[in-house]
Amino acid sequence: MKVAQIRGIAAYLPEGRLENKELAQVFSNWNWTEEKIERKIGIVSRPIAGEGETATDLGVAAAERLFESGMVARDEIDFIVFCTQSPDYFLPTSACVIQSRLGLKTTCGAFDFNLGCSGYVYGLGLCKGLLESGLARKALFITSETYSKYINKKDRVTRPLFGDGATATLLEAVDLDVATSDVLSGAPAIGPFEFGTDGAGADMLVIEAGASRMPATAETSIERSDSRGGYRSKEQLYMNGSGIFAFSVEVVPPLVKRCQAIAAEHNVSIDAYIFHQANKFMLDRLREECGNLDKKKFYNNIMTRGNTVSSSIPIAIIDAVRDGMVAPGMCALLVGFGVGLSWGAGLVRFPENFQVVPLDD
């Protein structure tokens, strides 16, 4: 049976940084200090893409780090899957541009999909389907976001949270003599998954203007403030923070409990919990709501990363390997939730040849 496995992960963080010192100066009229920002959201520094640096640039850089590691040769890649909400163009698809820039074979399939905080979990599910159906032997799954380009620098709601970054995950199909192609077989694998969607909450995290529904005009570019410290035009990122928080507390705990029950039914032990790195306050609350998950198994690396959207889970995996929380042979529960509204969770057991490319910071 063909079984999809995660073979390795690399990441790239842009050189630009946004520190709490700068934010404290910008938001001084709200009595924000460096210490208050760190205490409130658990972030002290965020990677920020340069003015001319796009999500495709970051994604290519992450993939190059993967190739430089020697994990895989360029001509072995059969498919590129690219997750981003900040593409270079409306069209063509960025994955096609990435194929050319990486010098991959022209028999390589490529597509983008637009999903944010749950994007990594969804992408693993997509790659599993490609690999186990025989459409590809090795797939390159890239996540990349540059939310900072959508954020007004005076917006107290969103600017302190988000960082930019990209990851490249190598997945491959291996032939194993197992009963099922997921973690429940006891083999190194990915899945099972649980997914969910509530598009009624689409307006909780949105850029209203600039695409077909509301084309950009002089009116949509006017910047306005609100009582919560929000400051933006309709062409910039809006987030209903309290709404997103309430949604997360409602959907994530039962999602985790269902996955735990499935794992327990098949005598699968979950060694690590890696959630989308939204902010420290939300992560702390979710850990409690999920039954006070063991802190030694619950990873949080948001302090110097920020919320990197679809890249947050794979970056956290890289850091968790560095910190000894994740290792080959272990089983992790990955949980994404946010913009859409969308959520997903999946079990992953890492194979013995799994490796990551450590970040340099």
Foldseek 3Di string as FASTA:
>chain_A
DWAKFWFEKFKDFAPDKDFLCVVCVLVVVVVDDLVNLCVPFVAGMAGADDPPAFQLNRQLVQVVLVVVVVSDHQAQAQEEEEEEQGDPDPDDFSQVVSCVVNVHDPNHYYHYDYDWQAVQQVQLVVVRVCAVVPVHFKYKYKYWYRLVVQADPQFPPPPSFEHTMMMIIIMGIDDDDFDDRDCLRVDFHKDDKDKDFDQVCQVQKDLQEPDDVHDDDPQQQDWDADPVRGIGGSRHIHHPVVVQLVVCLVPVLVRVVVVVVVCVVSVHDAQAEFEQAGGDVSLVVNCVSNPVPDPLRYFHDCHHHGRNISCRRVLRVLVCVVVVSDAAQHKYKYWGADNRRIIMIMIGHHHNSYDYDHDDD
